[in-house]
């Protein structure tokens, strides 16, 4: 990657920028404010060099994903298998101006409007959700809205996967956008409890059929049907 960085720097008429990565960035396993690069009061990341490096780095990762999906499509061909790609749900420090967790994962865009737009656009060329609010600066709800908006703008479908049990209130209530697929995890001892089962059934109806009235819940509970998407469809999966 250093060779590619050097070539990109030379093409940008700033050969010195290709010698290494940011000198003031935090080291591995260090918090973002351990160095000056991501600090909001210094904002090295927003300097001409910082924007150059992060834009190049994000482009490298999007290009890598593009290549992997090309290979996967070539292997699958017309076989009856759906191809999914997971988008890392990097909501840590989302409220920081630099949004360092997303930047180091390759989600970066100079105008800061929507960092997930290049990824969603890349997915459409080939045509979840982990929430921990206690982490400093985490903003998973806002991040999920951004991912959904990016996918909607470029026509990429969304699928979900839960990392918690309160899935209905945390997924369907965000802009009322229905995922095309959903993978349920953690079917533990409480799954079939009277407190959990009815909300889960209602959630599944929301995924498959849209929002249901509360009066219809009891009458239609036994009539729930599963559906499968077209085998040739392509989707993104936010986790």
Protein backbone atom coordinates (compact mmCIF):
# COMPACT_ATOMS: atom_id res chain seq x y z
CA UNK A 1 0.00 0.00 0.00
CA UNK A 2 2.92 2.36 0.62
CA UNK A 3 3.91 2.00 -3.03
CA UNK A 4 0.38 2.90 -4.11
CA UNK A 5 0.35 5.82 -1.66
CA UNK A 6 3.64 7.09 -3.10
CA UNK A 7 2.33 6.90 -6.65
CA UNK A 8 -0.88 8.70 -5.66
CA UNK A 9 1.12 11.43 -3.92
CA UNK A 10 3.33 11.91 -6.98
CA UNK A 11 0.25 12.17 -9.19
CA UNK A 12 -1.10 14.81 -6.79
CA UNK A 13 2.17 16.80 -7.09
CA UNK A 14 2.98 16.27 -3.39
CA UNK A 15 5.62 13.54 -3.37
CA UNK A 16 6.45 14.04 0.32
CA UNK A 17 2.90 13.03 1.27
CA UNK A 18 3.60 9.53 -0.02
CA UNK A 19 6.45 8.73 2.37
CA UNK A 20 4.23 7.38 5.17
CA UNK A 21 0.89 7.68 6.89
CA UNK A 22 -0.02 10.54 9.28
CA UNK A 23 2.77 11.04 11.82
CA UNK A 24 0.39 12.38 14.48
CA UNK A 25 -2.25 9.63 14.23
CA UNK A 26 -2.84 7.39 17.29
CA UNK A 27 -1.22 3.97 17.34
CA UNK A 28 -3.07 0.67 17.24
CA UNK A 29 -5.12 0.09 20.44
CA UNK A 30 -4.92 3.80 21.35
CA UNK A 31 -7.90 6.13 21.69
CA UNK A 32 -8.48 8.62 18.85
CA UNK A 33 -7.43 11.60 20.99
CA UNK A 34 -4.10 9.95 21.85
CA UNK A 35 -2.64 11.78 18.85
CA UNK A 36 -3.42 15.13 17.26
CA UNK A 37 -4.68 13.81 13.94
CA UNK A 38 -8.30 13.19 15.01
CA UNK A 39 -8.59 15.82 17.76
CA UNK A 40 -11.50 18.18 17.14
CA UNK A 41 -9.59 21.23 18.41
CA UNK A 42 -6.64 20.59 16.06
CA UNK A 43 -8.30 18.83 13.12
CA UNK A 44 -5.22 17.59 11.29
CA UNK A 45 -7.56 15.19 9.53
CA UNK A 46 -9.23 18.16 7.84
CA UNK A 47 -5.97 19.68 6.58
CA UNK A 48 -5.07 19.30 2.89
CA UNK A 49 -2.77 16.40 3.78
CA UNK A 50 -5.34 14.77 6.09
CA UNK A 51 -8.03 14.96 3.42
CA UNK A 52 -5.56 13.63 0.83
CA UNK A 53 -4.63 10.62 2.97
CA UNK A 54 -8.12 9.70 4.19
CA UNK A 55 -9.61 10.07 0.70
CA UNK A 56 -6.89 7.83 -0.74
CA UNK A 57 -7.29 5.28 2.07
CA UNK A 58 -11.08 5.15 1.68
CA UNK A 59 -10.70 4.76 -2.07
CA UNK A 60 -8.31 1.85 -1.56
CA UNK A 61 -10.80 -0.02 0.63
CA UNK A 62 -13.76 0.66 -1.66
CA UNK A 63 -11.65 -0.54 -4.57
CA UNK A 64 -10.76 -3.69 -2.64
CA UNK A 65 -14.45 -4.38 -1.97
CA UNK A 66 -15.21 -3.77 -5.63
CA UNK A 67 -12.57 -6.32 -6.63
CA UNK A 68 -13.79 -8.94 -4.14
CA UNK A 69 -17.38 -8.61 -5.37
CA UNK A 70 -16.15 -8.91 -8.96
CA UNK A 71 -14.45 -12.19 -8.06
CA UNK A 72 -17.51 -13.44 -6.15
CA UNK A 73 -19.81 -12.59 -9.05
CA UNK A 74 -17.47 -14.38 -11.41
CA UNK A 75 -17.53 -17.52 -9.27
CA UNK A 76 -21.28 -17.51 -8.65
CA UNK A 77 -22.27 -16.54 -12.18
CA UNK A 78 -25.90 -17.52 -12.76
CA UNK A 79 -26.02 -19.94 -9.84
CA UNK A 80 -29.11 -19.61 -7.59
CA UNK A 81 -27.24 -17.91 -4.75
CA UNK A 82 -27.64 -14.42 -3.35
CA UNK A 83 -24.57 -12.26 -2.83
CA UNK A 84 -24.51 -10.08 0.29
CA UNK A 85 -21.91 -7.65 1.58
CA UNK A 86 -21.70 -6.45 5.17
CA UNK A 87 -21.10 -2.82 6.06
CA UNK A 88 -19.27 -2.36 9.36
CA UNK A 89 -21.50 -0.44 11.75
CA UNK A 90 -18.77 1.82 13.15
CA UNK A 91 -20.85 4.06 15.43
CA UNK A 92 -18.12 4.65 18.00
CA UNK A 93 -17.20 8.34 18.27
CA UNK A 94 -19.79 9.12 15.61
CA UNK A 95 -20.54 12.41 17.35
CA UNK A 96 -16.92 13.57 17.05
CA UNK A 97 -16.31 15.87 14.09
CA UNK A 98 -13.58 13.59 12.73
CA UNK A 99 -15.60 10.38 13.28
CA UNK A 100 -12.33 8.43 13.65
CA UNK A 101 -13.76 4.91 13.89
CA UNK A 102 -15.43 5.33 10.51
CA UNK A 103 -12.40 7.05 8.98
CA UNK A 104 -9.97 4.26 9.86
CA UNK A 105 -12.50 1.71 8.56
CA UNK A 106 -12.45 3.47 5.18
CA UNK A 107 -15.70 5.43 5.47
CA UNK A 108 -14.65 8.94 4.52
CA UNK A 109 -15.82 11.59 2.08
CA UNK A 110 -14.33 15.06 1.72
CA UNK A 111 -17.62 16.96 1.84
CA UNK A 112 -18.69 15.01 4.96
CA UNK A 113 -22.26 14.72 3.66
CA UNK A 114 -22.53 10.93 3.68
CA UNK A 115 -19.48 8.73 4.12
CA UNK A 116 -21.38 5.63 3.08
CA UNK A 117 -22.41 6.91 -0.34
CA UNK A 118 -19.26 5.62 -2.16
CA UNK A 119 -19.76 2.17 -0.61
CA UNK A 120 -23.46 2.01 -1.52
CA UNK A 121 -22.64 3.17 -5.04
CA UNK A 122 -20.01 0.43 -5.31
CA UNK A 123 -22.56 -2.20 -4.18
CA UNK A 124 -25.00 -1.18 -6.90
CA UNK A 125 -22.39 -1.88 -9.54
CA UNK A 126 -22.78 -5.55 -8.59
CA UNK A 127 -26.53 -5.75 -8.71
CA UNK A 128 -26.12 -4.73 10.15
CA UNK A 129 -27.04 -3.87 13.65
CA UNK A 130 -24.70 -3.73 16.49
CA UNK A 131 -25.64 -0.95 18.92
CA UNK A 132 -23.74 -0.04 22.08
CA UNK A 133 -24.92 3.36 23.30
CA UNK A 134 -22.60 3.39 26.31
CA UNK A 135 -19.47 3.88 24.21
CA UNK A 136 -18.26 7.48 24.24
CA UNK A 137 -19.70 9.52 21.39
CA UNK A 138 -21.63 6.59 19.93
CA UNK A 139 -24.63 7.53 17.80
CA UNK A 140 -25.95 4.35 16.14
CA UNK A 141 -29.37 5.77 15.27
CA UNK A 142 -27.91 8.66 13.28
CA UNK A 143 -25.42 6.33 11.62
CA UNK A 144 -28.16 3.90 10.60
CA UNK A 145 -30.09 6.76 9.00
CA UNK A 146 -26.99 7.70 6.98
CA UNK A 147 -26.47 4.14 5.78
CA UNK A 148 -30.14 3.84 4.78
CA UNK A 149 -30.08 7.17 2.97
CA UNK A 150 -26.95 6.20 1.04
CA UNK A 151 -28.43 2.86 0.00
CA UNK A 152 -31.74 4.45 -0.96
CA UNK A 153 -30.00 7.10 -3.06
CA UNK A 154 -28.06 4.53 -5.06
CA UNK A 155 -30.73 1.82 -5.17
CA UNK A 156 -28.97 -0.74 -2.95
CA UNK A 157 -31.21 -2.99 -0.84
CA UNK A 158 -30.67 -3.30 2.91
CA UNK A 159 -30.63 -6.41 5.07
CA UNK A 160 -30.16 -6.49 8.83
CA UNK A 161 -28.74 -8.64 11.59
CA UNK A 162 -29.44 -8.07 15.26
CA UNK A 163 -26.88 -7.95 18.04
CA UNK A 164 -29.54 -7.32 20.71
CA UNK A 165 -32.97 -8.60 21.63
CA UNK A 166 -35.03 -5.39 21.25
CA UNK A 167 -34.91 -5.53 17.49
CA UNK A 168 -38.27 -4.05 16.50
CA UNK A 169 -37.95 -0.76 18.35
CA UNK A 170 -34.34 -0.32 17.28
CA UNK A 171 -34.62 -1.21 13.60
CA UNK A 172 -38.04 -0.52 12.11
CA UNK A 173 -38.60 2.77 13.93
CA UNK A 174 -35.68 4.44 12.18
CA UNK A 175 -37.41 6.23 9.28
CA UNK A 176 -39.77 3.22 8.99
CA UNK A 177 -37.52 1.70 6.33
CA UNK A 178 -38.16 -2.00 5.84
CA UNK A 179 -35.11 -4.24 5.38
CA UNK A 180 -35.34 -6.77 2.57
CA UNK A 181 -33.78 -9.53 4.70
CA UNK A 182 -33.10 -10.01 8.39
CA UNK A 183 -30.88 -12.52 10.20
CA UNK A 184 -32.00 -13.19 13.78
CA UNK A 185 -29.39 -14.12 16.37
CA UNK A 186 -29.47 -15.01 20.07
CA UNK A 187 -32.46 -17.35 20.22
CA UNK A 188 -32.03 -17.90 23.97
CA UNK A 189 -34.30 -19.01 26.80
CA UNK A 190 -36.36 -15.82 26.67
CA UNK A 191 -37.13 -16.07 22.97
CA UNK A 192 -40.51 -17.82 23.38
CA UNK A 193 -41.50 -16.00 26.56
CA UNK A 194 -44.87 -14.15 26.67
CA UNK A 195 -42.97 -10.88 26.93
CA UNK A 196 -40.79 -11.46 23.88
CA UNK A 197 -42.71 -13.61 21.40
CA UNK A 198 -45.59 -11.20 20.49
CA UNK A 199 -43.23 -8.26 19.79
CA UNK A 200 -41.03 -10.58 17.72
CA UNK A 201 -44.02 -11.71 15.66
CA UNK A 202 -45.03 -8.10 15.12
CA UNK A 203 -41.49 -7.23 14.08
CA UNK A 204 -41.44 -10.03 11.51
CA UNK A 205 -44.73 -8.85 10.06
CA UNK A 206 -43.24 -5.39 9.76
CA UNK A 207 -40.30 -6.84 7.83
CA UNK A 208 -42.45 -8.95 5.52
CA UNK A 209 -45.69 -7.02 5.18
CA UNK A 210 -45.26 -3.53 6.61
CA UNK A 211 -46.69 -2.20 9.87
CA UNK A 212 -49.72 -4.06 11.30
CA UNK A 213 -52.47 -2.70 13.50
CA UNK A 214 -52.47 -3.93 17.08
CA UNK A 215 -56.04 -5.29 16.63
CA UNK A 216 -54.84 -7.61 13.88
CA UNK A 217 -52.02 -9.09 15.94
CA UNK A 218 -53.92 -11.89 17.69
CA UNK A 219 -56.06 -12.91 14.70
CA UNK A 220 -53.17 -13.07 12.26
CA UNK A 221 -50.47 -14.52 14.52
CA UNK A 222 -50.92 -18.06 13.18
CA UNK A 223 -51.02 -16.91 9.56
CA UNK A 224 -47.51 -15.53 9.30
CA UNK A 225 -45.72 -16.67 6.15
CA UNK A 226 -42.08 -16.53 5.19
CA UNK A 227 -40.90 -15.17 1.89
CA UNK A 228 -37.70 -15.43 -0.09
CA UNK A 229 -36.18 -12.84 -2.42
CA UNK A 230 -35.29 -13.36 -6.03
CA UNK A 231 -32.24 -15.58 -6.35
CA UNK A 232 -30.51 -13.15 -8.65
CA UNK A 233 -30.90 -10.16 -6.32
CA UNK A 234 -27.96 -8.35 -4.81
CA UNK A 235 -28.12 -6.70 -1.42
CA UNK A 236 -26.10 -4.84 1.17
CA UNK A 237 -26.19 -5.95 4.79
CA UNK A 238 -25.67 -3.46 7.59
CA UNK A 239 -24.48 -5.04 10.82
